[in-house]
Amino acid sequence: MQISAKELRHMASDVDDMHHEAMRSFKEEASELHLSAARGARRSFMKKAGLAGVGGALLTVGGGLVPFTRLGGLAAAQDGLTDTVIAGYAQSVELAAVAAYTAAAPALKGDTLAVAELFLSHHQDHADAFGGVAGDDARPEPNAKLVEAVTPTLQTVADGVAGGGAGSEELTAAVLEFARVLENQAAYTYAAALTLLIDPAYAAATSTILPIEAQHGTVLAAALGKGVDELFPTGAFESAALGDGTDPKAGFDPAVFA
């Protein structure tokens, strides 16, 4: 680890304060959600007017193991990608992050383990928050395809633990790097969602969680001794590109992981 345990705890504490404030903001924004017939009528009107697929012209589809789309374009290609469906998808992504941190935790010790457990709790809170506004589209289980995608890495971690490497510098660095990429990809996923969400309250609620995911990635990058370009890998605003999970600078495309 490239920073002291004290510095790591301090940075994680700052993120925890941000997280609790974000959860308060999320609840406030969620209270503004209009789940009434009037909202449904407005959505219907926008769809008929051709406005539901904001950013549809950005749709770029490729094949194989390459990044291939932006969420903003999916509305033009996929019926039913509503605000609540997106919230349920986000819930499943958060629960996959919880599962990943849980699986990786045995490889860590001391302050690094404590920080991982803190970030895990943040993801659980985020999952609960998204699930609470997803309605009938809630997805209360970890995203199975995302869990499958990260399982080989987590198996390598488990093998390292079984070989007595728990807490070692090498295994700790591997887990932190894995978590750093996962956190950034979650942030990119929500940045992309902001290009599609129709109800301003859903967008506002989502925007309170995105910075926490990004801050997780920043703390983990600092712990790994990354340079500024890796602390903020896509610039001031998180990338809105989505892919199949192989690009560390793209989010998780629901066309792949749904």
C-alpha atoms as a PDB file:
ATOM      1  CA  MET A   1       0.000   0.000   0.000  1.00  0.00           C
ATOM      2  CA  GLN A   2       1.388   3.381  -1.059  1.00  0.00           C
ATOM      3  CA  ILE A   3      -0.173   5.580   1.655  1.00  0.00           C
ATOM      4  CA  SER A   4      -0.108   5.201   5.424  1.00  0.00           C
ATOM      5  CA  ALA A   5      -2.862   3.427   7.323  1.00  0.00           C
ATOM      6  CA  LYS A   6      -3.721   6.760   8.953  1.00  0.00           C
ATOM      7  CA  GLU A   7      -4.102   8.464   5.575  1.00  0.00           C
ATOM      8  CA  LEU A   8      -6.246   5.603   4.299  1.00  0.00           C
ATOM      9  CA  ARG A   9      -8.540   5.776   7.329  1.00  0.00           C
ATOM     10  CA  HIS A  10      -8.833   9.552   7.000  1.00  0.00           C
ATOM     11  CA  MET A  11      -9.748   9.396   3.314  1.00  0.00           C
ATOM     12  CA  ALA A  12     -12.252   6.622   3.922  1.00  0.00           C
ATOM     13  CA  SER A  13     -13.811   8.602   6.775  1.00  0.00           C
ATOM     14  CA  ASP A  14     -14.297  11.587   4.472  1.00  0.00           C
ATOM     15  CA  VAL A  15     -16.035   9.369   1.929  1.00  0.00           C
ATOM     16  CA  ASP A  16     -18.210   7.907   4.675  1.00  0.00           C
ATOM     17  CA  ASP A  17     -19.347  11.422   5.624  1.00  0.00           C
ATOM     18  CA  MET A  18     -20.141  12.110   1.960  1.00  0.00           C
ATOM     19  CA  HIS A  19     -22.019   8.828   1.742  1.00  0.00           C
ATOM     20  CA  HIS A  20     -24.304   9.607   4.673  1.00  0.00           C
ATOM     21  CA  GLU A  21     -25.043  13.053   3.266  1.00  0.00           C
ATOM     22  CA  ALA A  22     -25.733  11.494  -0.136  1.00  0.00           C
ATOM     23  CA  MET A  23     -28.176   9.034   1.394  1.00  0.00           C
ATOM     24  CA  ARG A  24     -30.047  11.894   3.039  1.00  0.00           C
ATOM     25  CA  SER A  25     -30.166  13.684  -0.301  1.00  0.00           C
ATOM     26  CA  PHE A  26     -31.310  10.528  -2.064  1.00  0.00           C
ATOM     27  CA  LYS A  27     -34.241  10.175   0.327  1.00  0.00           C
ATOM     28  CA  GLU A  28     -35.191  13.802  -0.209  1.00  0.00           C
ATOM     29  CA  GLU A  29     -35.078  13.405  -3.977  1.00  0.00           C
ATOM     30  CA  ALA A  30     -36.935  10.097  -3.843  1.00  0.00           C
ATOM     31  CA  SER A  31     -39.762  11.798  -1.955  1.00  0.00           C
ATOM     32  CA  GLU A  32     -40.259  13.982  -5.018  1.00  0.00           C
ATOM     33  CA  LEU A  33     -40.824  11.060  -7.356  1.00  0.00           C
ATOM     34  CA  HIS A  34     -44.199  11.263  -9.046  1.00  0.00           C
ATOM     35  CA  LEU A  35     -45.467   7.720  -9.240  1.00  0.00           C
ATOM     36  CA  SER A  36     -48.954   8.818 -10.244  1.00  0.00           C
ATOM     37  CA  ALA A  37     -51.117   8.512 -13.284  1.00  0.00           C
ATOM     38  CA  ALA A  38     -50.151  12.043 -14.175  1.00  0.00           C
ATOM     39  CA  ARG A  39     -46.492  11.006 -14.408  1.00  0.00           C
ATOM     40  CA  GLY A  40     -47.432   8.059 -16.561  1.00  0.00           C
ATOM     41  CA  ALA A  41     -49.393  10.348 -18.829  1.00  0.00           C
ATOM     42  CA  ARG A  42     -46.420  12.707 -19.127  1.00  0.00           C
ATOM     43  CA  ARG A  43     -44.114   9.806 -20.028  1.00  0.00           C
ATOM     44  CA  SER A  44     -46.607   8.614 -22.631  1.00  0.00           C
ATOM     45  CA  PHE A  45     -46.779  12.073 -24.136  1.00  0.00           C
ATOM     46  CA  MET A  46     -42.982  12.350 -24.280  1.00  0.00           C
ATOM     47  CA  LYS A  47     -42.685   8.952 -25.893  1.00  0.00           C
ATOM     48  CA  LYS A  48     -45.240   9.870 -28.514  1.00  0.00           C
ATOM     49  CA  ALA A  49     -43.394  13.113 -29.113  1.00  0.00           C
ATOM     50  CA  GLY A  50     -40.168  11.163 -29.678  1.00  0.00           C
ATOM     51  CA  LEU A  51     -38.447  12.560 -26.587  1.00  0.00           C
ATOM     52  CA  ALA A  52     -38.115   9.403 -24.485  1.00  0.00           C
ATOM     53  CA  GLY A  53     -34.902   8.360 -26.217  1.00  0.00           C
ATOM     54  CA  VAL A  54     -32.782  11.436 -25.448  1.00  0.00           C
ATOM     55  CA  GLY A  55     -29.350  10.774 -26.920  1.00  0.00           C
ATOM     56  CA  GLY A  56     -30.630   8.024 -29.211  1.00  0.00           C
ATOM     57  CA  ALA A  57     -28.414   9.218 -32.020  1.00  0.00           C
ATOM     58  CA  LEU A  58     -25.404   8.180 -29.953  1.00  0.00           C
ATOM     59  CA  LEU A  59     -26.193   4.482 -30.266  1.00  0.00           C
ATOM     60  CA  THR A  60     -23.135   2.581 -31.460  1.00  0.00           C
ATOM     61  CA  VAL A  61     -23.273  -1.186 -31.540  1.00  0.00           C
ATOM     62  CA  GLY A  62     -20.348  -3.511 -31.995  1.00  0.00           C
ATOM     63  CA  GLY A  63     -19.739  -7.180 -31.379  1.00  0.00           C
ATOM     64  CA  GLY A  64     -17.435  -9.457 -29.491  1.00  0.00           C
ATOM     65  CA  LEU A  65     -15.452  -8.334 -26.487  1.00  0.00           C
ATOM     66  CA  VAL A  66     -15.344  -4.599 -27.141  1.00  0.00           C
ATOM     67  CA  PRO A  67     -17.232  -1.671 -25.567  1.00  0.00           C
ATOM     68  CA  PHE A  68     -20.266  -1.079 -27.733  1.00  0.00           C
ATOM     69  CA  THR A  69     -22.892   1.342 -26.571  1.00  0.00           C
ATOM     70  CA  ARG A  70     -24.076   4.301 -24.570  1.00  0.00           C
ATOM     71  CA  LEU A  71     -27.078   3.995 -22.335  1.00  0.00           C
ATOM     72  CA  GLY A  72     -28.548   7.157 -23.853  1.00  0.00           C
ATOM     73  CA  GLY A  73     -28.985   5.343 -27.139  1.00  0.00           C
ATOM     74  CA  LEU A  74     -30.566   2.227 -25.720  1.00  0.00           C
ATOM     75  CA  ALA A  75     -33.957   3.875 -25.312  1.00  0.00           C
ATOM     76  CA  ALA A  76     -34.273   3.949 -29.080  1.00  0.00           C
ATOM     77  CA  ALA A  77     -33.448   0.262 -29.308  1.00  0.00           C
ATOM     78  CA  GLN A  78     -35.064  -1.248 -26.221  1.00  0.00           C
ATOM     79  CA  ASP A  79     -38.678  -0.800 -25.233  1.00  0.00           C
ATOM     80  CA  GLY A  80     -39.329  -0.704 -21.520  1.00  0.00           C
ATOM     81  CA  LEU A  81     -36.044   0.875 -20.389  1.00  0.00           C
ATOM     82  CA  THR A  82     -37.847   3.120 -17.925  1.00  0.00           C
ATOM     83  CA  ASP A  83     -36.624   5.030 -14.892  1.00  0.00           C
ATOM     84  CA  THR A  84     -37.713   2.203 -12.596  1.00  0.00           C
ATOM     85  CA  VAL A  85     -36.045  -0.438 -14.785  1.00  0.00           C
ATOM     86  CA  ILE A  86     -32.809   1.553 -14.635  1.00  0.00           C
ATOM     87  CA  ALA A  87     -33.151   1.841 -10.845  1.00  0.00           C
ATOM     88  CA  GLY A  88     -33.636  -1.926 -10.561  1.00  0.00           C
ATOM     89  CA  TYR A  89     -30.603  -2.506 -12.772  1.00  0.00           C
ATOM     90  CA  ALA A  90     -28.530  -0.186 -10.591  1.00  0.00           C
ATOM     91  CA  GLN A  91     -29.732  -2.118  -7.554  1.00  0.00           C
ATOM     92  CA  SER A  92     -28.475  -5.373  -9.076  1.00  0.00           C
ATOM     93  CA  VAL A  93     -25.102  -3.799  -9.912  1.00  0.00           C
ATOM     94  CA  GLU A  94     -24.727  -2.547  -6.334  1.00  0.00           C
ATOM     95  CA  LEU A  95     -25.554  -5.991  -4.964  1.00  0.00           C
ATOM     96  CA  ALA A  96     -22.941  -7.505  -7.281  1.00  0.00           C
ATOM     97  CA  ALA A  97     -20.431  -5.067  -5.783  1.00  0.00           C
ATOM     98  CA  VAL A  98     -21.491  -6.218  -2.301  1.00  0.00           C
ATOM     99  CA  ALA A  99     -20.939  -9.828  -3.349  1.00  0.00           C
ATOM    100  CA  ALA A 100     -17.532  -8.994  -4.841  1.00  0.00           C
ATOM    101  CA  TYR A 101     -16.323  -7.172  -1.727  1.00  0.00           C
ATOM    102  CA  THR A 102     -17.619 -10.011   0.457  1.00  0.00           C
ATOM    103  CA  ALA A 103     -15.719 -12.575  -1.607  1.00  0.00           C
ATOM    104  CA  ALA A 104     -12.508 -10.514  -1.634  1.00  0.00           C
ATOM    105  CA  ALA A 105     -12.550  -9.538   2.059  1.00  0.00           C
ATOM    106  CA  PRO A 106     -10.733 -12.677   3.338  1.00  0.00           C
ATOM    107  CA  ALA A 107      -7.650 -11.553   1.383  1.00  0.00           C
ATOM    108  CA  LEU A 108      -7.385  -8.321   3.389  1.00  0.00           C
ATOM    109  CA  LYS A 109      -6.365  -7.485   6.929  1.00  0.00           C
ATOM    110  CA  GLY A 110      -6.227  -4.540   9.297  1.00  0.00           C
ATOM    111  CA  ASP A 111      -7.113  -1.061   8.053  1.00  0.00           C
ATOM    112  CA  THR A 112      -7.441  -2.192   4.448  1.00  0.00           C
ATOM    113  CA  LEU A 113     -10.060  -4.740   5.460  1.00  0.00           C
ATOM    114  CA  ALA A 114     -11.898  -2.119   7.526  1.00  0.00           C
ATOM    115  CA  VAL A 115     -12.061   0.231   4.540  1.00  0.00           C
ATOM    116  CA  ALA A 116     -13.282  -2.561   2.261  1.00  0.00           C
ATOM    117  CA  GLU A 117     -16.005  -3.424   4.762  1.00  0.00           C
ATOM    118  CA  LEU A 118     -16.990   0.259   4.923  1.00  0.00           C
ATOM    119  CA  PHE A 119     -17.261   0.502   1.138  1.00  0.00           C
ATOM    120  CA  LEU A 120     -19.242  -2.745   1.114  1.00  0.00           C
ATOM    121  CA  SER A 121     -21.756  -1.186   3.506  1.00  0.00           C
ATOM    122  CA  HIS A 122     -22.041   1.840   1.215  1.00  0.00           C
ATOM    123  CA  HIS A 123     -22.894  -0.412  -1.710  1.00  0.00           C
ATOM    124  CA  GLN A 124     -25.537  -2.177   0.345  1.00  0.00           C
ATOM    125  CA  ASP A 125     -27.072   1.184   1.235  1.00  0.00           C
ATOM    126  CA  HIS A 126     -27.023   2.197  -2.415  1.00  0.00           C
ATOM    127  CA  ALA A 127     -28.687  -1.071  -3.412  1.00  0.00           C
ATOM    128  CA  ASP A 128     -31.399  -0.532  -0.816  1.00  0.00           C
ATOM    129  CA  ALA A 129     -31.932   3.026  -2.019  1.00  0.00           C
ATOM    130  CA  PHE A 130     -32.259   2.059  -5.682  1.00  0.00           C
ATOM    131  CA  GLY A 131     -34.480  -0.879  -4.786  1.00  0.00           C
ATOM    132  CA  GLY A 132     -36.719   1.438  -2.803  1.00  0.00           C
ATOM    133  CA  VAL A 133     -37.526   3.536  -5.887  1.00  0.00           C
ATOM    134  CA  ALA A 134     -37.574   0.712  -8.461  1.00  0.00           C
ATOM    135  CA  GLY A 135     -41.069  -0.457  -7.531  1.00  0.00           C
ATOM    136  CA  ASP A 136     -42.089  -3.608  -9.354  1.00  0.00           C
ATOM    137  CA  ASP A 137     -38.823  -3.444 -11.323  1.00  0.00           C
ATOM    138  CA  ALA A 138     -36.681  -3.991  -8.212  1.00  0.00           C
ATOM    139  CA  ARG A 139     -33.955  -6.622  -8.597  1.00  0.00           C
ATOM    140  CA  PRO A 140     -33.067  -7.776  -5.060  1.00  0.00           C
ATOM    141  CA  GLU A 141     -30.354 -10.219  -6.139  1.00  0.00           C
ATOM    142  CA  PRO A 142     -26.777  -9.545  -7.300  1.00  0.00           C
ATOM    143  CA  ASN A 143     -26.527  -9.093 -11.051  1.00  0.00           C
ATOM    144  CA  ALA A 144     -25.794 -12.679 -12.071  1.00  0.00           C
ATOM    145  CA  LYS A 145     -23.947 -11.863 -15.291  1.00  0.00           C
ATOM    146  CA  LEU A 146     -21.724  -9.316 -13.576  1.00  0.00           C
ATOM    147  CA  VAL A 147     -20.953 -11.758 -10.761  1.00  0.00           C
ATOM    148  CA  GLU A 148     -20.097 -14.366 -13.396  1.00  0.00           C
ATOM    149  CA  ALA A 149     -17.804 -11.883 -15.153  1.00  0.00           C
ATOM    150  CA  VAL A 150     -15.775 -11.131 -12.014  1.00  0.00           C
ATOM    151  CA  THR A 151     -15.725 -14.678 -10.654  1.00  0.00           C
ATOM    152  CA  PRO A 152     -12.405 -15.674 -12.312  1.00  0.00           C
ATOM    153  CA  THR A 153     -10.650 -12.764 -10.601  1.00  0.00           C
ATOM    154  CA  LEU A 154     -12.282 -13.551  -7.288  1.00  0.00           C
ATOM    155  CA  GLN A 155     -11.301 -17.214  -7.659  1.00  0.00           C
ATOM    156  CA  THR A 156      -7.682 -16.142  -8.087  1.00  0.00           C
ATOM    157  CA  VAL A 157      -8.024 -14.146  -4.876  1.00  0.00           C
ATOM    158  CA  ALA A 158      -9.532 -17.148  -3.099  1.00  0.00           C
ATOM    159  CA  ASP A 159      -6.658 -19.310  -4.303  1.00  0.00           C
ATOM    160  CA  GLY A 160      -4.206 -16.764  -2.912  1.00  0.00           C
ATOM    161  CA  VAL A 161      -5.946 -16.836   0.449  1.00  0.00           C
ATOM    162  CA  ALA A 162      -5.924 -20.641   0.444  1.00  0.00           C
ATOM    163  CA  GLY A 163      -2.205 -20.514  -0.223  1.00  0.00           C
ATOM    164  CA  GLY A 164      -1.627 -18.414   2.892  1.00  0.00           C
ATOM    165  CA  GLY A 165      -1.354 -15.059   1.142  1.00  0.00           C
ATOM    166  CA  ALA A 166      -4.050 -13.233   3.074  1.00  0.00           C
ATOM    167  CA  GLY A 167      -2.805  -9.775   4.005  1.00  0.00           C
ATOM    168  CA  SER A 168       0.263 -10.014   1.794  1.00  0.00           C
ATOM    169  CA  GLU A 169       1.274  -6.925  -0.138  1.00  0.00           C
ATOM    170  CA  GLU A 170       0.848  -8.655  -3.480  1.00  0.00           C
ATOM    171  CA  LEU A 171      -2.644 -10.013  -2.817  1.00  0.00           C
ATOM    172  CA  THR A 172      -3.797  -6.798  -1.154  1.00  0.00           C
ATOM    173  CA  ALA A 173      -2.690  -4.790  -4.189  1.00  0.00           C
ATOM    174  CA  ALA A 174      -4.515  -7.190  -6.514  1.00  0.00           C
ATOM    175  CA  VAL A 175      -7.748  -6.839  -4.543  1.00  0.00           C
ATOM    176  CA  LEU A 176      -7.479  -3.047  -4.359  1.00  0.00           C
ATOM    177  CA  GLU A 177      -6.883  -2.818  -8.116  1.00  0.00           C
ATOM    178  CA  PHE A 178      -9.868  -5.055  -8.801  1.00  0.00           C
ATOM    179  CA  ALA A 179     -12.052  -2.957  -6.495  1.00  0.00           C
ATOM    180  CA  ARG A 180     -10.772   0.304  -8.017  1.00  0.00           C
ATOM    181  CA  VAL A 181     -11.810  -0.723 -11.519  1.00  0.00           C
ATOM    182  CA  LEU A 182     -15.174  -2.021 -10.285  1.00  0.00           C
ATOM    183  CA  GLU A 183     -15.903   1.252  -8.475  1.00  0.00           C
ATOM    184  CA  ASN A 184     -15.039   3.343 -11.510  1.00  0.00           C
ATOM    185  CA  GLN A 185     -17.174   1.169 -13.779  1.00  0.00           C
ATOM    186  CA  ALA A 186     -20.114   1.591 -11.396  1.00  0.00           C
ATOM    187  CA  ALA A 187     -19.636   5.366 -11.527  1.00  0.00           C
ATOM    188  CA  TYR A 188     -19.520   5.288 -15.334  1.00  0.00           C
ATOM    189  CA  THR A 189     -22.738   3.251 -15.350  1.00  0.00           C
ATOM    190  CA  TYR A 190     -24.569   5.931 -13.381  1.00  0.00           C
ATOM    191  CA  ALA A 191     -23.093   8.723 -15.479  1.00  0.00           C
ATOM    192  CA  ALA A 192     -24.542   6.994 -18.525  1.00  0.00           C
ATOM    193  CA  ALA A 193     -27.884   6.555 -16.768  1.00  0.00           C
ATOM    194  CA  LEU A 194     -28.094  10.323 -16.303  1.00  0.00           C
ATOM    195  CA  THR A 195     -28.269  10.692 -20.085  1.00  0.00           C
ATOM    196  CA  LEU A 196     -31.458   8.626 -20.197  1.00  0.00           C
ATOM    197  CA  LEU A 197     -33.479   9.114 -17.017  1.00  0.00           C
ATOM    198  CA  ILE A 198     -36.647  11.067 -17.729  1.00  0.00           C
ATOM    199  CA  ASP A 199     -37.959  12.093 -14.320  1.00  0.00           C
ATOM    200  CA  PRO A 200     -35.705  14.813 -12.838  1.00  0.00           C
ATOM    201  CA  ALA A 201     -36.119  13.287  -9.381  1.00  0.00           C
ATOM    202  CA  TYR A 202     -34.668   9.961 -10.541  1.00  0.00           C
ATOM    203  CA  ALA A 203     -31.748  11.781 -12.150  1.00  0.00           C
ATOM    204  CA  ALA A 204     -31.161  13.847  -9.021  1.00  0.00           C
ATOM    205  CA  ALA A 205     -31.260  10.771  -6.801  1.00  0.00           C
ATOM    206  CA  THR A 206     -28.839   8.900  -9.058  1.00  0.00           C
ATOM    207  CA  SER A 207     -26.478  11.871  -9.142  1.00  0.00           C
ATOM    208  CA  THR A 208     -26.127  11.737  -5.344  1.00  0.00           C
ATOM    209  CA  ILE A 209     -24.727   8.192  -5.500  1.00  0.00           C
ATOM    210  CA  LEU A 210     -22.397   8.559  -8.493  1.00  0.00           C
ATOM    211  CA  PRO A 211     -19.819  10.733  -6.633  1.00  0.00           C
ATOM    212  CA  ILE A 212     -19.560   8.183  -3.813  1.00  0.00           C
ATOM    213  CA  GLU A 213     -18.651   5.421  -6.241  1.00  0.00           C
ATOM    214  CA  ALA A 214     -16.098   7.755  -7.842  1.00  0.00           C
ATOM    215  CA  GLN A 215     -14.638   8.640  -4.429  1.00  0.00           C
ATOM    216  CA  HIS A 216     -14.290   4.947  -3.600  1.00  0.00           C
ATOM    217  CA  GLY A 217     -12.221   4.579  -6.762  1.00  0.00           C
ATOM    218  CA  THR A 218     -10.132   7.619  -5.871  1.00  0.00           C
ATOM    219  CA  VAL A 219      -9.321   6.322  -2.375  1.00  0.00           C
ATOM    220  CA  LEU A 220      -8.352   2.927  -3.765  1.00  0.00           C
ATOM    221  CA  ALA A 221      -6.193   4.553  -6.455  1.00  0.00           C
ATOM    222  CA  ALA A 222      -4.410   6.609  -3.803  1.00  0.00           C
ATOM    223  CA  ALA A 223      -3.831   3.493  -1.719  1.00  0.00           C
ATOM    224  CA  LEU A 224      -2.210   1.911  -4.772  1.00  0.00           C
ATOM    225  CA  GLY A 225      -0.020   4.954  -5.388  1.00  0.00           C
ATOM    226  CA  LYS A 226      -1.665   5.802  -8.714  1.00  0.00           C
ATOM    227  CA  GLY A 227      -0.896   9.073 -10.472  1.00  0.00           C
ATOM    228  CA  VAL A 228      -3.364  11.891 -11.067  1.00  0.00           C
ATOM    229  CA  ASP A 229      -4.376  10.456 -14.430  1.00  0.00           C
ATOM    230  CA  GLU A 230      -5.562   7.307 -12.641  1.00  0.00           C
ATOM    231  CA  LEU A 231      -7.232   9.173  -9.790  1.00  0.00           C
ATOM    232  CA  PHE A 232      -9.462  10.853 -12.369  1.00  0.00           C
ATOM    233  CA  PRO A 233      -9.198   8.499 -15.362  1.00  0.00           C
ATOM    234  CA  THR A 234     -11.865  10.153 -17.520  1.00  0.00           C
ATOM    235  CA  GLY A 235     -11.549  13.773 -16.460  1.00  0.00           C
ATOM    236  CA  ALA A 236     -13.837  16.022 -14.487  1.00  0.00           C
ATOM    237  CA  PHE A 237     -17.021  14.084 -15.323  1.00  0.00           C
ATOM    238  CA  GLU A 238     -17.213  10.330 -15.278  1.00  0.00           C
ATOM    239  CA  SER A 239     -17.428   8.591 -18.624  1.00  0.00           C
ATOM    240  CA  ALA A 240     -20.889   7.918 -20.010  1.00  0.00           C
ATOM    241  CA  ALA A 241     -19.636   5.027 -22.152  1.00  0.00           C
ATOM    242  CA  LEU A 242     -20.870   1.510 -21.454  1.00  0.00           C
ATOM    243  CA  GLY A 243     -19.444  -1.833 -22.485  1.00  0.00           C
ATOM    244  CA  ASP A 244     -19.242  -5.531 -21.734  1.00  0.00           C
ATOM    245  CA  GLY A 245     -17.014  -5.190 -18.671  1.00  0.00           C
ATOM    246  CA  THR A 246     -13.682  -5.588 -20.426  1.00  0.00           C
ATOM    247  CA  ASP A 247     -12.985  -1.849 -20.679  1.00  0.00           C
ATOM    248  CA  PRO A 248     -11.987  -0.421 -17.271  1.00  0.00           C
ATOM    249  CA  LYS A 249     -13.109   3.031 -18.428  1.00  0.00           C
ATOM    250  CA  ALA A 250     -16.640   2.027 -19.390  1.00  0.00           C
ATOM    251  CA  GLY A 251     -19.681   1.156 -17.319  1.00  0.00           C
ATOM    252  CA  PHE A 252     -21.782  -2.015 -17.345  1.00  0.00           C
ATOM    253  CA  ASP A 253     -24.117  -2.130 -20.339  1.00  0.00           C
ATOM    254  CA  PRO A 254     -27.582  -3.453 -19.429  1.00  0.00           C
ATOM    255  CA  ALA A 255     -27.752  -4.973 -22.916  1.00  0.00           C
ATOM    256  CA  VAL A 256     -25.034  -7.344 -21.676  1.00  0.00           C
ATOM    257  CA  PHE A 257     -25.709  -7.644 -17.952  1.00  0.00           C
ATOM    258  CA  ALA A 258     -29.495  -7.353 -17.755  1.00  0.00           C
END
